[in-house]
Amino acid sequence: MRPENRRSFLKHGLVAAGGLGLGLAAWSRFAPQSTAPEFHHALGPLRPVQDQTSGLPILSLPKGFRYHSFAWAGDTLGDGYRSPGACDGMGVVSDDNGIVTLIRNHELRGSTGPIGDPLKAWDITGGGTTTLKFDTATERLLDSRVSLSGTVNNCAGGVTPWGTWLSCEEGPLTPELMHHGGELRQKFWHVENATKPHGYVFEVHPEGESNPQPIIPMGQFYHEAAAVDPKSGAVYMTEDRSPHAGLYRYVPKTPGKLQAGGKLQMLKAEGHKELIGSMPLNKPMVVAWVNIPEPGQGHTPGTHDGAGVVAQGLAAGGTAFVSLEGCVCFDDSIYFTSKAGGGAGAGQVFRLDIVQNTLELIFEASGHDSFSGPDNIIVSPRGSLMICEDRLGIMKKGQHIVGLNANDGLFTFCQVNSKLQADYRGHDLANTAVSSEWAGVCFSTDGQWMFANLYNPGMTLAITGPWLKGPV
């Protein structure tokens, strides 16, 4: 999809919603909720709905909504390889008259071999991406293939305005430095056979990469998500690390040519060394950016600690966050989540105004007994933030995809059916029902299909229904 079409789609979707604006002043209308998110009055309560592929009631959705699951872990892809599990971040990179092309991350480790063709892999490690083509007219999967392999822990990423996917490795690994305290990570991640460094961003084209190369200037750190500002070409990136993480900006020398070099910077909120605990809602803070002098230095000197980039940023005056997750660019703002921030350590949602250079907290989860662990995030066609839940702590009920907007606050749209007790293609779905996180939420160009991943056992779902009746 052309960048101007994508922007037009989002803007018109927002207007059609009757002014569900995500503006600065509007967020002050509500406060975080202390109970589980309630259903939206325009959507109605959730109820178990059968998957039109498996026949199982995997999800609970509002009345009138239905869905298909596809590309389950273990299925045979169109190129003959097995569909990997650990399905994480995902985005729509093109939509040709209803033929939607998705690129999906796989947060896999190990070093016994890549998920695809070894001759097209970066390393012998197990992470990567798959490309999926879904026909919204016939409601079926048309094609699937491995599009990136030999990477590590591909967690989230982001779609570019020019139709590619930025797949982010959450794991700075450097084999030649493993003897500097990296043995524990090496054994835990089973990457003892890795031959190349990791912890980078890879740009993936829909047809796949035959010679994948990391974008070194974008840094070697615990990459999570990426969002491109279509006006400047700058890429905003989150870092999933504790106790300290950074929010970064990569300013390429030439917009759209990320491999050609650029400047990596870390956000600094004036007067705030860290923004981790509880803080006031809707109080804009002035921000600036500090330079990262050595983006490729993923570890502090003499170690293999994975803290090299964030340490440089903090030393330059940057502000520390914790466990940053999803991010999305919309209407001159970057919305991003912290999975473990806030007074209860249950999660936060921030808004960065990239024109006014201000940052504000717009939501803070009050505890782990309700919605918590906000992760991947997108803006819906009708102007709500749609947030995937990766709840921390004891799992007793299925996790949610929730909506958040200035008029309604937090509301639930979709939940995994926690009563599901079934086996499908060798997968015990009882564990999925209470523990699997959501990931990769995104929309078709016409706004009629929502796509999302269930991380465990690993599958993609295409959801459709009477969208115009609600804020999604």
Protein backbone atom coordinates (compact mmCIF):
# COMPACT_ATOMS: atom_id res chain seq x y z
CA MET A 1 0.00 0.00 0.00
CA ARG A 2 1.30 3.43 -0.86
CA PRO A 3 2.17 5.64 2.15
CA GLU A 4 -0.33 8.32 1.14
CA ASN A 5 -3.08 5.70 0.99
CA ARG A 6 -2.18 4.37 4.42
CA ARG A 7 -2.27 7.86 5.96
CA SER A 8 -5.53 8.66 4.20
CA PHE A 9 -7.06 5.42 5.43
CA LEU A 10 -6.15 6.13 9.02
CA LYS A 11 -7.32 9.74 8.92
CA HIS A 12 -10.63 8.93 7.27
CA GLY A 13 -11.19 6.08 9.70
CA LEU A 14 -10.72 8.49 12.58
CA VAL A 15 -13.13 11.04 11.14
CA ALA A 16 -15.73 8.36 10.44
CA ALA A 17 -15.68 7.41 14.09
CA GLY A 18 -17.35 10.69 14.97
CA GLY A 19 -14.32 12.34 16.51
CA LEU A 20 -12.69 9.59 18.55
CA GLY A 21 -9.62 11.80 18.53
CA LEU A 22 -6.38 10.89 20.26
CA GLY A 23 -5.56 14.54 20.92
CA LEU A 24 -3.48 15.89 23.77
CA ALA A 25 -6.27 17.58 25.71
CA ALA A 26 -8.80 14.79 25.27
CA TRP A 27 -6.86 12.20 27.29
CA SER A 28 -7.58 14.07 30.54
CA ARG A 29 -11.20 12.91 30.40
CA PHE A 30 -10.56 9.55 31.99
CA ALA A 31 -8.44 7.77 34.58
CA PRO A 32 -7.05 4.23 34.67
CA GLN A 33 -9.47 1.54 35.69
CA SER A 34 -8.89 -0.70 38.69
CA THR A 35 -11.12 -3.52 37.51
CA ALA A 36 -11.07 -5.75 34.46
CA PRO A 37 -11.87 -3.85 31.26
CA GLU A 38 -15.61 -3.76 30.54
CA PHE A 39 -17.26 -4.24 27.18
CA HIS A 40 -18.08 -1.19 25.09
CA HIS A 41 -21.79 -0.27 24.99
CA ALA A 42 -21.75 -0.14 21.18
CA LEU A 43 -20.22 -3.62 20.92
CA GLY A 44 -21.94 -5.49 23.72
CA PRO A 45 -20.61 -8.30 25.94
CA LEU A 46 -18.16 -10.93 24.78
CA ARG A 47 -19.27 -14.49 24.14
CA PRO A 48 -17.44 -17.63 22.96
CA VAL A 49 -17.35 -17.89 19.16
CA GLN A 50 -16.28 -20.93 17.15
CA ASP A 51 -13.20 -20.65 14.96
CA GLN A 52 -14.30 -21.20 11.36
CA THR A 53 -11.13 -23.21 10.73
CA SER A 54 -10.89 -25.59 13.69
CA GLY A 55 -14.47 -25.43 14.96
CA LEU A 56 -13.17 -24.70 18.46
CA PRO A 57 -14.40 -21.77 20.59
CA ILE A 58 -10.93 -20.28 20.95
CA LEU A 59 -12.04 -16.64 21.32
CA SER A 60 -14.76 -14.62 23.00
CA LEU A 61 -15.96 -11.70 20.85
CA PRO A 62 -18.89 -9.28 20.63
CA LYS A 63 -22.05 -10.46 18.87
CA GLY A 64 -21.74 -10.62 15.08
CA PHE A 65 -17.96 -11.10 14.95
CA ARG A 66 -16.31 -14.22 13.55
CA TYR A 67 -12.79 -15.37 12.72
CA HIS A 68 -10.48 -17.81 10.98
CA SER A 69 -7.23 -19.23 12.34
CA PHE A 70 -4.36 -20.16 10.03
CA ALA A 71 -0.63 -20.87 9.83
CA TRP A 72 -0.57 -22.79 13.09
CA ALA A 73 2.81 -23.85 14.46
CA GLY A 74 3.73 -27.12 12.78
CA ASP A 75 1.61 -26.58 9.66
CA THR A 76 3.39 -26.96 6.33
CA LEU A 77 3.97 -23.59 4.68
CA GLY A 78 3.67 -22.99 0.97
CA ASP A 79 7.44 -23.28 0.55
CA GLY A 80 7.52 -26.66 2.26
CA TYR A 81 8.99 -25.54 5.57
CA ARG A 82 7.19 -25.96 8.87
CA SER A 83 5.34 -22.96 10.27
CA PRO A 84 7.30 -21.84 13.35
CA GLY A 85 5.74 -21.13 16.74
CA ALA A 86 6.22 -18.22 19.15
CA CYS A 87 4.26 -15.92 16.84
CA ASP A 88 4.91 -12.35 17.95
CA GLY A 89 4.86 -8.94 16.22
CA MET A 90 3.23 -8.65 12.80
CA GLY A 91 2.18 -6.03 10.27
CA VAL A 92 0.31 -5.56 6.99
CA VAL A 93 2.92 -4.63 4.37
CA SER A 94 0.58 -4.59 1.36
CA ASP A 95 -3.09 -4.91 0.50
CA ASP A 96 -3.84 -5.50 -3.19
CA ASN A 97 -7.61 -5.47 -3.71
CA GLY A 98 -8.21 -7.52 -0.61
CA ILE A 99 -5.14 -9.76 -0.89
CA VAL A 100 -3.49 -8.85 2.40
CA THR A 101 0.22 -9.58 2.85
CA LEU A 102 1.37 -9.96 6.45
CA ILE A 103 4.87 -10.44 7.77
CA ARG A 104 4.97 -12.24 11.12
CA ASN A 105 7.80 -12.46 13.65
CA HIS A 106 8.86 -15.63 15.49
CA GLU A 107 10.49 -15.11 18.86
CA LEU A 108 12.69 -18.20 18.70
CA ARG A 109 16.18 -18.90 20.02
CA GLY A 110 18.49 -21.88 19.67
CA SER A 111 21.36 -22.45 17.23
CA THR A 112 20.78 -25.86 15.73
CA GLY A 113 19.59 -24.50 12.41
CA PRO A 114 17.39 -21.81 10.82
CA ILE A 115 13.64 -22.11 10.21
CA GLY A 116 14.13 -21.80 6.45
CA ASP A 117 16.75 -22.32 3.75
CA PRO A 118 20.22 -22.33 5.39
CA LEU A 119 21.68 -20.71 2.26
CA LYS A 120 19.42 -17.68 2.80
CA ALA A 121 19.91 -17.36 6.57
CA TRP A 122 21.91 -14.79 8.53
CA ASP A 123 23.11 -17.41 11.03
CA ILE A 124 22.21 -20.91 12.22
CA THR A 125 19.93 -19.53 14.91
CA GLY A 126 16.19 -20.16 15.10
CA GLY A 127 14.39 -16.80 14.87
CA GLY A 128 12.93 -15.12 11.81
CA THR A 129 9.76 -14.15 9.98
CA THR A 130 7.08 -15.72 7.79
CA THR A 131 5.12 -13.99 5.04
CA LEU A 132 1.39 -14.80 4.84
CA LYS A 133 -1.06 -13.87 2.07
CA PHE A 134 -4.73 -13.84 3.10
CA ASP A 135 -7.61 -13.29 0.67
CA THR A 136 -10.34 -11.33 2.43
CA ALA A 137 -12.86 -12.12 -0.33
CA THR A 138 -12.58 -15.90 -0.15
CA GLU A 139 -11.48 -15.77 3.50
CA ARG A 140 -8.58 -18.17 3.09
CA LEU A 141 -4.81 -18.29 3.24
CA LEU A 142 -3.37 -18.13 -0.29
CA ASP A 143 0.34 -18.49 0.35
CA SER A 144 2.90 -18.68 3.13
CA ARG A 145 6.67 -18.83 3.28
CA VAL A 146 9.73 -18.16 5.42
CA SER A 147 10.97 -14.64 4.63
CA LEU A 148 13.81 -14.22 7.15
CA SER A 149 15.76 -16.83 9.09
CA GLY A 150 18.92 -17.27 11.13
CA THR A 151 18.10 -14.47 13.56
CA VAL A 152 17.39 -14.54 17.32
CA ASN A 153 14.30 -13.69 19.35
CA ASN A 154 12.46 -11.69 16.69
CA CYS A 155 10.01 -10.00 19.00
CA ALA A 156 8.17 -7.08 17.44
CA GLY A 157 9.00 -4.53 14.73
CA GLY A 158 7.04 -2.23 12.48
CA VAL A 159 5.77 -1.63 8.96
CA THR A 160 7.52 0.98 6.81
CA PRO A 161 5.63 3.43 4.54
CA TRP A 162 7.42 1.86 1.55
CA GLY A 163 6.02 -1.63 2.16
CA THR A 164 8.63 -3.56 4.13
CA TRP A 165 8.76 -4.91 7.66
CA LEU A 166 11.38 -4.02 10.27
CA SER A 167 11.95 -7.19 12.26
CA CYS A 168 13.64 -6.54 15.61
CA GLU A 169 15.88 -8.95 17.49
CA GLU A 170 15.40 -8.83 21.25
CA GLY A 171 18.80 -10.09 22.24
CA PRO A 172 22.28 -8.54 21.89
CA LEU A 173 24.57 -11.53 21.44
CA THR A 174 28.20 -11.36 20.31
CA PRO A 175 29.88 -14.79 20.05
CA GLU A 176 33.46 -13.52 20.35
CA LEU A 177 32.57 -11.74 23.62
CA MET A 178 30.73 -14.62 25.27
CA HIS A 179 33.66 -15.34 27.56
CA HIS A 180 33.05 -11.93 29.18
CA GLY A 181 30.14 -13.14 31.28
CA GLY A 182 27.93 -14.31 28.44
CA GLU A 183 28.02 -18.02 29.22
CA LEU A 184 24.76 -17.99 31.21
CA ARG A 185 22.87 -16.26 28.40
CA GLN A 186 24.47 -18.62 25.90
CA LYS A 187 23.23 -21.70 27.80
CA PHE A 188 19.80 -20.25 28.59
CA TRP A 189 19.15 -19.27 24.97
CA HIS A 190 20.87 -22.38 23.54
CA VAL A 191 22.92 -20.26 21.16
CA GLU A 192 26.26 -21.90 21.82
CA ASN A 193 26.67 -22.56 18.07
CA ALA A 194 25.91 -19.01 16.93
CA THR A 195 28.56 -17.64 14.59
CA LYS A 196 27.40 -14.04 14.08
CA PRO A 197 26.34 -11.15 16.32
CA HIS A 198 22.67 -10.46 17.06
CA GLY A 199 20.48 -7.78 18.58
CA TYR A 200 19.76 -5.82 15.42
CA VAL A 201 16.98 -4.65 13.12
CA PHE A 202 16.50 -6.47 9.81
CA GLU A 203 14.45 -5.03 6.95
CA VAL A 204 12.28 -7.72 5.35
CA HIS A 205 10.64 -7.53 1.94
CA PRO A 206 7.43 -9.50 1.35
CA GLU A 207 9.09 -11.95 -1.04
CA GLY A 208 11.78 -12.71 1.55
CA GLU A 209 15.49 -12.08 2.03
CA SER A 210 18.10 -14.13 0.18
CA ASN A 211 21.01 -12.33 1.84
CA PRO A 212 19.74 -10.74 5.07
CA GLN A 213 21.90 -8.04 6.60
CA PRO A 214 21.40 -6.28 9.94
CA ILE A 215 21.13 -2.50 10.01
CA ILE A 216 24.08 -1.88 12.31
CA PRO A 217 23.57 1.92 12.74
CA MET A 218 20.15 1.26 14.29
CA GLY A 219 21.95 -0.23 17.28
CA GLN A 220 22.64 -3.53 18.98
CA PHE A 221 20.31 -3.82 21.96
CA TYR A 222 17.12 -5.49 23.21
CA HIS A 223 15.06 -4.26 20.28
CA GLU A 224 11.31 -4.55 20.63
CA ALA A 225 9.12 -2.48 18.27
CA ALA A 226 9.67 0.15 15.58
CA ALA A 227 7.48 2.89 14.12
CA VAL A 228 8.36 5.08 11.13
CA ASP A 229 7.30 8.73 10.97
CA PRO A 230 6.17 9.02 7.31
CA LYS A 231 6.96 12.74 7.22
CA SER A 232 10.59 12.68 8.34
CA GLY A 233 11.51 9.04 7.79
CA ALA A 234 12.77 8.78 11.38
CA VAL A 235 12.31 5.39 13.05
CA TYR A 236 11.25 5.30 16.70
CA MET A 237 12.22 2.15 18.61
CA THR A 238 11.48 0.64 22.00
CA GLU A 239 13.76 -1.50 24.16
CA ASP A 240 12.46 -4.40 26.25
CA ARG A 241 14.94 -4.43 29.08
CA SER A 242 14.99 -4.10 32.85
CA PRO A 243 15.82 -2.43 35.12
CA HIS A 244 16.53 0.29 32.55
CA ALA A 245 15.48 0.67 28.92
CA GLY A 246 15.46 3.51 26.43
CA LEU A 247 13.18 4.98 23.81
CA TYR A 248 15.27 5.57 20.69
CA ARG A 249 15.08 7.49 17.44
CA TYR A 250 17.03 6.60 14.32
CA VAL A 251 17.39 9.51 11.90
CA PRO A 252 18.57 8.11 8.54
CA LYS A 253 20.81 10.15 6.28
CA THR A 254 18.38 9.41 3.47
CA PRO A 255 14.74 8.71 4.41
CA GLY A 256 13.74 5.23 3.31
CA LYS A 257 17.38 4.09 2.97
CA LEU A 258 18.05 2.74 6.44
CA GLN A 259 21.17 0.77 5.50
CA ALA A 260 22.81 3.96 4.21
CA GLY A 261 23.53 5.15 7.75
CA GLY A 262 22.11 7.64 10.17
CA LYS A 263 22.11 8.90 13.74
CA LEU A 264 20.85 6.91 16.74
CA GLN A 265 19.48 8.95 19.64
CA MET A 266 17.81 8.31 23.00
CA LEU A 267 14.91 10.30 24.44
CA LYS A 268 15.51 12.66 27.34
CA ALA A 269 12.56 13.95 29.36
CA GLU A 270 13.72 17.18 30.94
CA GLY A 271 14.01 16.88 34.71
CA HIS A 272 13.39 13.13 34.75
CA LYS A 273 16.22 10.62 35.05
CA GLU A 274 13.66 7.84 34.90
CA LEU A 275 9.97 7.33 34.18
CA ILE A 276 9.37 3.94 35.71
CA GLY A 277 7.13 4.29 38.78
CA SER A 278 3.79 5.97 39.23
CA MET A 279 3.46 9.50 37.84
CA PRO A 280 0.68 11.99 37.06
CA LEU A 281 -1.48 11.36 34.02
CA ASN A 282 -1.78 13.88 31.19
CA LYS A 283 1.06 16.12 32.38
CA PRO A 284 3.22 16.96 29.34
CA MET A 285 6.97 16.86 29.85
CA VAL A 286 9.40 18.62 27.52
CA VAL A 287 11.72 16.21 25.71
CA ALA A 288 14.97 16.34 23.78
CA TRP A 289 17.27 13.75 22.20
CA VAL A 290 20.82 12.72 23.14
CA ASN A 291 23.20 11.02 20.72
CA ILE A 292 24.43 7.43 21.02
CA PRO A 293 28.06 7.70 19.92
CA GLU A 294 28.62 3.97 19.28
CA PRO A 295 25.34 2.26 18.25
CA GLY A 296 27.14 -1.01 17.48
CA GLN A 297 28.54 -1.32 21.00
CA GLY A 298 25.89 -3.61 22.41
CA HIS A 299 27.74 -4.36 25.64
CA THR A 300 29.52 -2.20 28.16
CA PRO A 301 33.30 -2.57 27.60
CA GLY A 302 34.79 -5.76 28.97
CA THR A 303 31.42 -7.49 29.41
CA HIS A 304 28.68 -9.27 27.51
CA ASP A 305 25.85 -7.61 29.44
CA GLY A 306 23.67 -6.30 26.59
CA ALA A 307 23.63 -2.84 28.18
CA GLY A 308 26.09 -1.02 25.95
CA VAL A 309 23.62 1.20 24.09
CA VAL A 310 21.36 2.10 27.01
CA ALA A 311 24.41 2.86 29.16
CA GLN A 312 25.64 5.35 26.55
CA GLY A 313 22.23 7.01 26.46
CA LEU A 314 21.90 7.29 30.22
CA ALA A 315 25.43 8.68 30.51
CA ALA A 316 24.46 11.40 28.03
CA GLY A 317 21.42 12.37 30.12
CA GLY A 318 18.75 10.14 28.55
CA THR A 319 15.70 9.02 30.52
CA ALA A 320 15.29 5.44 31.71
CA PHE A 321 12.08 3.47 31.22
CA VAL A 322 11.46 -0.21 31.94
CA SER A 323 10.38 -3.05 29.64
CA LEU A 324 9.21 -0.96 26.69
CA GLU A 325 7.10 -2.91 24.23
CA GLY A 326 4.88 -1.80 21.33
CA CYS A 327 4.94 1.53 19.52
CA VAL A 328 2.99 3.07 16.67
CA CYS A 329 3.14 6.39 14.80
CA PHE A 330 -0.15 8.19 14.26
CA ASP A 331 -0.97 11.81 13.50
CA ASP A 332 2.40 13.30 14.60
CA SER A 333 2.47 11.22 17.77
CA ILE A 334 4.26 8.07 18.89
CA TYR A 335 2.24 5.87 21.24
CA PHE A 336 4.29 3.29 23.16
CA THR A 337 3.83 0.88 26.03
CA SER A 338 5.79 -0.21 29.08
CA LYS A 339 4.83 -3.72 30.16
CA ALA A 340 6.07 -3.38 33.74
CA GLY A 341 6.04 0.35 34.46
CA GLY A 342 3.86 2.23 36.93
CA GLY A 343 3.27 2.12 40.66
CA ALA A 344 2.00 -1.48 40.54
CA GLY A 345 4.48 -2.57 37.88
CA ALA A 346 1.46 -3.51 35.75
CA GLY A 347 2.07 -1.33 32.70
CA GLN A 348 1.80 2.10 31.16
CA VAL A 349 0.91 3.77 27.86
CA PHE A 350 2.73 6.95 26.80
CA ARG A 351 2.16 9.51 24.06
CA LEU A 352 5.10 11.36 22.49
CA ASP A 353 4.19 14.45 20.47
CA ILE A 354 6.95 14.64 17.86
CA VAL A 355 5.93 18.14 16.75
CA GLN A 356 5.57 19.80 20.15
CA ASN A 357 8.40 17.69 21.64
CA THR A 358 6.40 16.66 24.68
CA LEU A 359 5.73 13.36 26.41
CA GLU A 360 2.79 12.40 28.61
CA LEU A 361 1.49 9.32 30.39
CA ILE A 362 -2.03 8.56 29.19
CA PHE A 363 -2.75 5.27 30.96
CA GLU A 364 -1.41 3.31 33.93
CA ALA A 365 -2.67 -0.15 34.88
CA SER A 366 -3.52 -0.31 38.56
CA GLY A 367 -2.75 -3.98 39.24
CA HIS A 368 -2.20 -7.46 37.93
CA ASP A 369 -5.72 -8.63 38.74
CA SER A 370 -7.13 -6.60 35.84
CA PHE A 371 -5.73 -5.66 32.44
CA SER A 372 -1.93 -5.52 32.70
CA GLY A 373 1.22 -5.98 30.68
CA PRO A 374 0.35 -3.79 27.65
CA ASP A 375 2.40 -5.02 24.71
CA ASN A 376 1.94 -4.65 20.91
CA ILE A 377 -0.17 -1.65 19.93
CA ILE A 378 -1.88 -0.24 16.83
CA VAL A 379 -4.38 2.49 15.98
CA SER A 380 -7.69 1.11 14.74
CA PRO A 381 -9.43 2.46 11.61
CA ARG A 382 -11.96 4.18 13.84
CA GLY A 383 -9.48 5.84 16.13
CA SER A 384 -8.87 3.68 19.19
CA LEU A 385 -5.57 2.33 20.40
CA MET A 386 -5.79 -1.46 20.26
CA ILE A 387 -3.45 -3.06 22.78
CA CYS A 388 -2.35 -6.67 23.16
CA GLU A 389 -2.20 -7.99 26.70
CA ASP A 390 0.80 -9.90 28.02
CA ARG A 391 -0.33 -10.18 31.61
CA LEU A 392 2.28 -10.66 34.30
CA GLY A 393 1.80 -12.82 37.38
CA ILE A 394 -0.62 -15.68 37.96
CA MET A 395 -2.77 -16.57 34.95
CA LYS A 396 -6.38 -17.41 35.78
CA LYS A 397 -8.27 -16.18 32.76
CA GLY A 398 -7.68 -15.58 29.09
CA GLN A 399 -5.85 -12.48 27.99
CA HIS A 400 -7.42 -9.57 26.15
CA ILE A 401 -7.07 -7.31 23.18
CA VAL A 402 -8.39 -4.04 24.56
CA GLY A 403 -9.24 -0.67 23.11
CA LEU A 404 -8.32 2.69 24.59
CA ASN A 405 -9.58 6.07 23.46
CA ALA A 406 -10.20 9.49 24.93
CA ASN A 407 -13.99 9.16 25.02
CA ASP A 408 -14.39 5.67 26.45
CA GLY A 409 -11.23 4.87 28.36
CA LEU A 410 -10.32 1.19 28.42
CA PHE A 411 -12.69 -1.42 26.96
CA THR A 412 -12.37 -5.06 25.97
CA PHE A 413 -12.81 -6.25 22.40
CA CYS A 414 -11.49 -9.80 22.37
CA GLN A 415 -10.45 -12.41 24.93
CA VAL A 416 -9.04 -15.92 24.80
CA ASN A 417 -11.68 -18.36 26.02
CA SER A 418 -10.25 -19.46 29.37
CA LYS A 419 -12.61 -22.47 29.52
CA LEU A 420 -11.16 -24.01 26.38
CA GLN A 421 -10.06 -27.60 26.97
CA ALA A 422 -9.13 -29.14 23.65
CA ASP A 423 -6.40 -30.67 21.56
CA TYR A 424 -5.91 -29.52 17.98
CA ARG A 425 -3.25 -30.85 15.63
CA GLY A 426 -1.27 -32.01 18.64
CA HIS A 427 -1.55 -28.72 20.53
CA ASP A 428 -2.95 -28.72 24.06
CA LEU A 429 -5.06 -25.56 24.01
CA ALA A 430 -5.80 -25.61 27.74
CA ASN A 431 -2.47 -23.87 28.30
CA THR A 432 -3.22 -21.38 25.52
CA ALA A 433 -6.52 -20.53 27.17
CA VAL A 434 -5.00 -19.14 30.34
CA SER A 435 -1.43 -18.15 29.51
CA SER A 436 -0.90 -17.22 25.86
CA GLU A 437 -0.20 -13.58 25.20
CA TRP A 438 -1.63 -11.65 22.27
CA ALA A 439 0.69 -10.10 19.69
CA GLY A 440 0.87 -8.56 16.23
CA VAL A 441 -2.49 -6.78 16.07
CA CYS A 442 -3.03 -4.96 12.74
CA PHE A 443 -5.78 -4.14 10.20
CA SER A 444 -6.55 -4.55 6.52
CA THR A 445 -6.68 -1.38 4.42
CA ASP A 446 -10.48 -1.27 4.31
CA GLY A 447 -10.68 -1.73 8.07
CA GLN A 448 -12.87 -4.82 7.77
CA TRP A 449 -10.34 -7.35 9.09
CA MET A 450 -8.25 -7.38 12.23
CA PHE A 451 -5.29 -9.74 12.30
CA ALA A 452 -3.55 -10.87 15.49
CA ASN A 453 -1.37 -13.69 16.78
CA LEU A 454 -1.71 -16.03 19.71
CA TYR A 455 1.87 -16.57 20.81
CA ASN A 456 1.31 -20.08 22.15
CA PRO A 457 1.16 -22.52 20.45
CA GLY A 458 1.51 -20.03 17.62
CA MET A 459 -1.20 -19.09 15.12
CA THR A 460 -2.65 -16.10 13.28
CA LEU A 461 -6.31 -15.11 13.48
CA ALA A 462 -8.32 -12.99 11.04
CA ILE A 463 -11.34 -11.36 12.73
CA THR A 464 -14.21 -9.58 11.00
CA GLY A 465 -17.65 -8.31 11.91
CA PRO A 466 -19.86 -5.22 12.29
CA TRP A 467 -17.04 -2.72 12.89
CA LEU A 468 -19.09 0.38 12.10
CA LYS A 469 -21.20 -0.16 15.20
CA GLY A 470 -18.28 0.50 17.53
CA PRO A 471 -14.98 2.26 18.16
CA VAL A 472 -12.69 -0.45 16.73
